[in-house]
Amino acid sequence: MKEEGIKVVATNRKARHDYTLTDHIEAGIALKGSEIKSVRAGQVSLRESYVRTDGREAWLLNAHIAPYDPASRENHDPIRQRKLLLRRREIAKLFEQVQRQGYTLVPTRMYLRRGRAKLEIALAKGKRQYDKRKEMAKRDALREAERAASRYRGRR
């Protein structure tokens, strides 16, 4: 999934495993100078992060952006709250869906577009344990079928 002018910095692979993802929305992130330098270096982890909104503002929580070594004493807190830059209507819509329908906001990837850090967030509904097992079994079956097909093609 290589789009024009986009450099993917971090992905949250665990989100696809733990949640059923629906709507994807692009949001800007308010970062400090040392944070954007760490993002450009690819030192970001979205593994345990999530998005919280109060109806007026949206915040990225628990995302780890490593300290930028050359910044030394001017460095940032690696796990601080970061404000997401969204339109007021988008925030209100997300807040309503989270409140009424029991969705969660999960960051799926962080990337650079024209030098600006962007975050893709998704509305997510938690999967049950048996859903996860079913999905893993389906993936294993597809992989095994692909192996068998490649062995069959190799015999000719």
C-alpha atoms as a PDB file:
ATOM      1  CA  MET A   1       0.000   0.000   0.000  1.00  0.00           C
ATOM      2  CA  LYS A   2       2.475   2.618  -1.258  1.00  0.00           C
ATOM      3  CA  GLU A   3       0.777   5.939  -1.840  1.00  0.00           C
ATOM      4  CA  GLU A   4       2.350   8.897  -3.600  1.00  0.00           C
ATOM      5  CA  GLY A   5       4.418  11.127  -1.300  1.00  0.00           C
ATOM      6  CA  ILE A   6       3.728   9.143   1.879  1.00  0.00           C
ATOM      7  CA  LYS A   7       6.354   7.579   4.137  1.00  0.00           C
ATOM      8  CA  VAL A   8       4.831   5.199   6.699  1.00  0.00           C
ATOM      9  CA  VAL A   9       6.662   5.602  10.008  1.00  0.00           C
ATOM     10  CA  ALA A  10       4.749   3.223  12.299  1.00  0.00           C
ATOM     11  CA  THR A  11       1.853   0.789  12.049  1.00  0.00           C
ATOM     12  CA  ASN A  12      -0.307  -0.729  14.760  1.00  0.00           C
ATOM     13  CA  ARG A  13      -0.504  -4.353  13.600  1.00  0.00           C
ATOM     14  CA  LYS A  14      -2.057  -5.434  16.878  1.00  0.00           C
ATOM     15  CA  ALA A  15      -5.128  -3.260  16.181  1.00  0.00           C
ATOM     16  CA  ARG A  16      -6.198  -5.472  13.251  1.00  0.00           C
ATOM     17  CA  HIS A  17      -5.881  -8.532  15.465  1.00  0.00           C
ATOM     18  CA  ASP A  18      -7.755  -7.155  18.483  1.00  0.00           C
ATOM     19  CA  TYR A  19     -10.434  -5.045  16.772  1.00  0.00           C
ATOM     20  CA  THR A  20     -12.788  -4.987  13.817  1.00  0.00           C
ATOM     21  CA  LEU A  21     -11.869  -1.708  12.124  1.00  0.00           C
ATOM     22  CA  THR A  22     -14.472   0.354  10.262  1.00  0.00           C
ATOM     23  CA  ASP A  23     -14.073   4.060   9.360  1.00  0.00           C
ATOM     24  CA  HIS A  24     -10.536   5.365   8.837  1.00  0.00           C
ATOM     25  CA  ILE A  25      -9.839   9.061   9.368  1.00  0.00           C
ATOM     26  CA  GLU A  26      -6.661  11.088   8.837  1.00  0.00           C
ATOM     27  CA  ALA A  27      -5.670  13.478  11.620  1.00  0.00           C
ATOM     28  CA  GLY A  28      -2.761  15.838  12.056  1.00  0.00           C
ATOM     29  CA  ILE A  29      -0.728  15.754  15.275  1.00  0.00           C
ATOM     30  CA  ALA A  30       0.565  18.709  17.283  1.00  0.00           C
ATOM     31  CA  LEU A  31       4.202  17.776  17.963  1.00  0.00           C
ATOM     32  CA  LYS A  32       7.213  19.503  19.500  1.00  0.00           C
ATOM     33  CA  GLY A  33      10.418  19.989  17.519  1.00  0.00           C
ATOM     34  CA  SER A  34      12.280  17.062  19.068  1.00  0.00           C
ATOM     35  CA  GLU A  35       9.225  14.821  18.526  1.00  0.00           C
ATOM     36  CA  ILE A  36       8.963  15.467  14.796  1.00  0.00           C
ATOM     37  CA  LYS A  37      12.666  14.687  14.435  1.00  0.00           C
ATOM     38  CA  SER A  38      12.145  11.348  16.186  1.00  0.00           C
ATOM     39  CA  VAL A  39       9.107  10.640  13.997  1.00  0.00           C
ATOM     40  CA  ARG A  40      11.153  11.321  10.857  1.00  0.00           C
ATOM     41  CA  ALA A  41      13.767   8.891  12.199  1.00  0.00           C
ATOM     42  CA  GLY A  42      11.025   6.264  12.608  1.00  0.00           C
ATOM     43  CA  GLN A  43      11.294   5.977  16.398  1.00  0.00           C
ATOM     44  CA  VAL A  44       7.569   5.616  17.080  1.00  0.00           C
ATOM     45  CA  SER A  45       5.457   2.871  18.645  1.00  0.00           C
ATOM     46  CA  LEU A  46       1.650   2.818  18.468  1.00  0.00           C
ATOM     47  CA  ARG A  47       1.283  -0.590  20.114  1.00  0.00           C
ATOM     48  CA  GLU A  48      -0.531   0.415  23.350  1.00  0.00           C
ATOM     49  CA  SER A  49      -1.901   3.745  22.146  1.00  0.00           C
ATOM     50  CA  TYR A  50      -5.486   4.906  21.840  1.00  0.00           C
ATOM     51  CA  VAL A  51      -7.451   8.084  21.124  1.00  0.00           C
ATOM     52  CA  ARG A  52      -9.691   9.829  23.642  1.00  0.00           C
ATOM     53  CA  THR A  53     -12.147  12.604  22.819  1.00  0.00           C
ATOM     54  CA  ASP A  54     -14.361  14.815  24.966  1.00  0.00           C
ATOM     55  CA  GLY A  55     -16.533  16.147  22.142  1.00  0.00           C
ATOM     56  CA  ARG A  56     -14.393  19.240  21.576  1.00  0.00           C
ATOM     57  CA  GLU A  57     -10.818  17.950  21.358  1.00  0.00           C
ATOM     58  CA  ALA A  58      -9.162  14.645  20.503  1.00  0.00           C
ATOM     59  CA  TRP A  59      -5.980  13.392  22.175  1.00  0.00           C
ATOM     60  CA  LEU A  60      -3.514  10.623  21.344  1.00  0.00           C
ATOM     61  CA  LEU A  61      -2.562   8.748  24.516  1.00  0.00           C
ATOM     62  CA  ASN A  62       0.185   6.202  25.286  1.00  0.00           C
ATOM     63  CA  ALA A  63       1.936   6.576  21.920  1.00  0.00           C
ATOM     64  CA  HIS A  64       5.680   6.276  22.451  1.00  0.00           C
ATOM     65  CA  ILE A  65       7.877   8.700  20.510  1.00  0.00           C
ATOM     66  CA  ALA A  66      11.482   8.115  21.557  1.00  0.00           C
ATOM     67  CA  PRO A  67      13.550  11.076  22.828  1.00  0.00           C
ATOM     68  CA  TYR A  68      15.707  12.687  20.160  1.00  0.00           C
ATOM     69  CA  ASP A  69      19.318  12.362  21.354  1.00  0.00           C
ATOM     70  CA  PRO A  70      20.770  15.605  19.906  1.00  0.00           C
ATOM     71  CA  ALA A  71      18.017  17.612  21.666  1.00  0.00           C
ATOM     72  CA  SER A  72      19.444  16.581  25.087  1.00  0.00           C
ATOM     73  CA  ARG A  73      17.914  18.847  27.743  1.00  0.00           C
ATOM     74  CA  GLU A  74      15.259  20.293  25.403  1.00  0.00           C
ATOM     75  CA  ASN A  75      13.747  16.829  24.956  1.00  0.00           C
ATOM     76  CA  HIS A  76      10.133  15.759  25.325  1.00  0.00           C
ATOM     77  CA  ASP A  77       8.337  13.209  27.499  1.00  0.00           C
ATOM     78  CA  PRO A  78       8.099  10.032  25.331  1.00  0.00           C
ATOM     79  CA  ILE A  79       4.526   9.146  26.383  1.00  0.00           C
ATOM     80  CA  ARG A  80       2.919  12.560  26.763  1.00  0.00           C
ATOM     81  CA  GLN A  81      -0.590  13.359  25.509  1.00  0.00           C
ATOM     82  CA  ARG A  82      -0.595  14.764  21.996  1.00  0.00           C
ATOM     83  CA  LYS A  83      -3.418  16.823  20.554  1.00  0.00           C
ATOM     84  CA  LEU A  84      -4.947  15.604  17.305  1.00  0.00           C
ATOM     85  CA  LEU A  85      -5.856  18.163  14.692  1.00  0.00           C
ATOM     86  CA  LEU A  86      -9.334  17.393  13.384  1.00  0.00           C
ATOM     87  CA  ARG A  87     -12.284  19.479  12.291  1.00  0.00           C
ATOM     88  CA  ARG A  88     -14.895  20.204  14.934  1.00  0.00           C
ATOM     89  CA  ARG A  89     -17.569  18.259  13.036  1.00  0.00           C
ATOM     90  CA  GLU A  90     -15.302  15.196  12.726  1.00  0.00           C
ATOM     91  CA  ILE A  91     -14.607  15.231  16.469  1.00  0.00           C
ATOM     92  CA  ALA A  92     -18.323  15.563  17.272  1.00  0.00           C
ATOM     93  CA  LYS A  93     -19.183  12.671  14.938  1.00  0.00           C
ATOM     94  CA  LEU A  94     -16.494  10.428  16.439  1.00  0.00           C
ATOM     95  CA  PHE A  95     -17.526  11.338  19.974  1.00  0.00           C
ATOM     96  CA  GLU A  96     -21.148  10.458  19.210  1.00  0.00           C
ATOM     97  CA  GLN A  97     -20.237   7.063  17.746  1.00  0.00           C
ATOM     98  CA  VAL A  98     -17.963   6.223  20.660  1.00  0.00           C
ATOM     99  CA  GLN A  99     -20.666   7.165  23.192  1.00  0.00           C
ATOM    100  CA  ARG A 100     -23.688   5.557  21.543  1.00  0.00           C
ATOM    101  CA  GLN A 101     -22.418   2.528  19.696  1.00  0.00           C
ATOM    102  CA  GLY A 102     -19.607   1.366  21.968  1.00  0.00           C
ATOM    103  CA  TYR A 103     -16.763   1.934  19.537  1.00  0.00           C
ATOM    104  CA  THR A 104     -13.168   2.740  20.429  1.00  0.00           C
ATOM    105  CA  LEU A 105     -10.796   5.043  18.559  1.00  0.00           C
ATOM    106  CA  VAL A 106      -7.562   3.244  17.685  1.00  0.00           C
ATOM    107  CA  PRO A 107      -4.556   4.650  15.795  1.00  0.00           C
ATOM    108  CA  THR A 108      -3.648   2.299  12.937  1.00  0.00           C
ATOM    109  CA  ARG A 109      -0.598   4.006  11.397  1.00  0.00           C
ATOM    110  CA  MET A 110       1.531   7.145  11.531  1.00  0.00           C
ATOM    111  CA  TYR A 111       3.046   8.539   8.380  1.00  0.00           C
ATOM    112  CA  LEU A 112       4.640  11.616   6.868  1.00  0.00           C
ATOM    113  CA  ARG A 113       2.811  13.404   4.068  1.00  0.00           C
ATOM    114  CA  ARG A 114       4.706  16.340   2.556  1.00  0.00           C
ATOM    115  CA  GLY A 115       6.850  16.540   5.692  1.00  0.00           C
ATOM    116  CA  ARG A 116       3.870  16.676   8.080  1.00  0.00           C
ATOM    117  CA  ALA A 117       3.144  13.925  10.585  1.00  0.00           C
ATOM    118  CA  LYS A 118      -0.299  12.406  10.109  1.00  0.00           C
ATOM    119  CA  LEU A 119      -2.117   9.744  12.105  1.00  0.00           C
ATOM    120  CA  GLU A 120      -4.695   7.377  10.673  1.00  0.00           C
ATOM    121  CA  ILE A 121      -7.298   6.553  13.300  1.00  0.00           C
ATOM    122  CA  ALA A 122     -10.084   4.014  12.960  1.00  0.00           C
ATOM    123  CA  LEU A 123     -13.379   3.364  14.673  1.00  0.00           C
ATOM    124  CA  ALA A 124     -12.942  -0.067  16.187  1.00  0.00           C
ATOM    125  CA  LYS A 125     -15.106  -2.633  17.884  1.00  0.00           C
ATOM    126  CA  GLY A 126     -13.394  -5.232  20.089  1.00  0.00           C
ATOM    127  CA  LYS A 127     -13.195  -8.812  18.838  1.00  0.00           C
ATOM    128  CA  ARG A 128     -14.084 -11.778  20.998  1.00  0.00           C
ATOM    129  CA  GLN A 129     -11.496 -14.482  21.586  1.00  0.00           C
ATOM    130  CA  TYR A 130     -13.308 -16.979  19.330  1.00  0.00           C
ATOM    131  CA  ASP A 131     -13.415 -14.401  16.505  1.00  0.00           C
ATOM    132  CA  LYS A 132      -9.646 -14.063  16.732  1.00  0.00           C
ATOM    133  CA  ARG A 133      -9.192 -17.851  16.638  1.00  0.00           C
ATOM    134  CA  LYS A 134     -11.526 -18.167  13.660  1.00  0.00           C
ATOM    135  CA  GLU A 135      -9.602 -15.508  11.760  1.00  0.00           C
ATOM    136  CA  MET A 136      -6.258 -17.169  12.532  1.00  0.00           C
ATOM    137  CA  ALA A 137      -7.598 -20.568  11.372  1.00  0.00           C
ATOM    138  CA  LYS A 138      -8.828 -19.022   8.113  1.00  0.00           C
ATOM    139  CA  ARG A 139      -5.448 -17.361   7.524  1.00  0.00           C
ATOM    140  CA  ASP A 140      -3.602 -20.642   8.206  1.00  0.00           C
ATOM    141  CA  ALA A 141      -5.892 -22.515   5.795  1.00  0.00           C
ATOM    142  CA  LEU A 142      -5.243 -19.960   3.038  1.00  0.00           C
ATOM    143  CA  ARG A 143      -1.498 -20.171   3.644  1.00  0.00           C
ATOM    144  CA  GLU A 144      -1.572 -23.976   3.474  1.00  0.00           C
ATOM    145  CA  ALA A 145      -3.620 -23.911   0.257  1.00  0.00           C
ATOM    146  CA  GLU A 146      -1.112 -21.495  -1.270  1.00  0.00           C
ATOM    147  CA  ARG A 147       1.774 -23.812  -0.318  1.00  0.00           C
ATOM    148  CA  ALA A 148       0.013 -26.796  -1.855  1.00  0.00           C
ATOM    149  CA  ALA A 149      -0.668 -24.854  -5.043  1.00  0.00           C
ATOM    150  CA  SER A 150       2.973 -23.765  -5.315  1.00  0.00           C
ATOM    151  CA  ARG A 151       4.161 -27.369  -4.818  1.00  0.00           C
ATOM    152  CA  TYR A 152       1.730 -28.503  -7.519  1.00  0.00           C
ATOM    153  CA  ARG A 153       2.983 -25.831  -9.947  1.00  0.00           C
ATOM    154  CA  GLY A 154       6.590 -26.840  -9.192  1.00  0.00           C
ATOM    155  CA  ARG A 155       6.034 -30.462 -10.303  1.00  0.00           C
ATOM    156  CA  ARG A 156       5.197 -29.659 -13.901  1.00  0.00           C
END
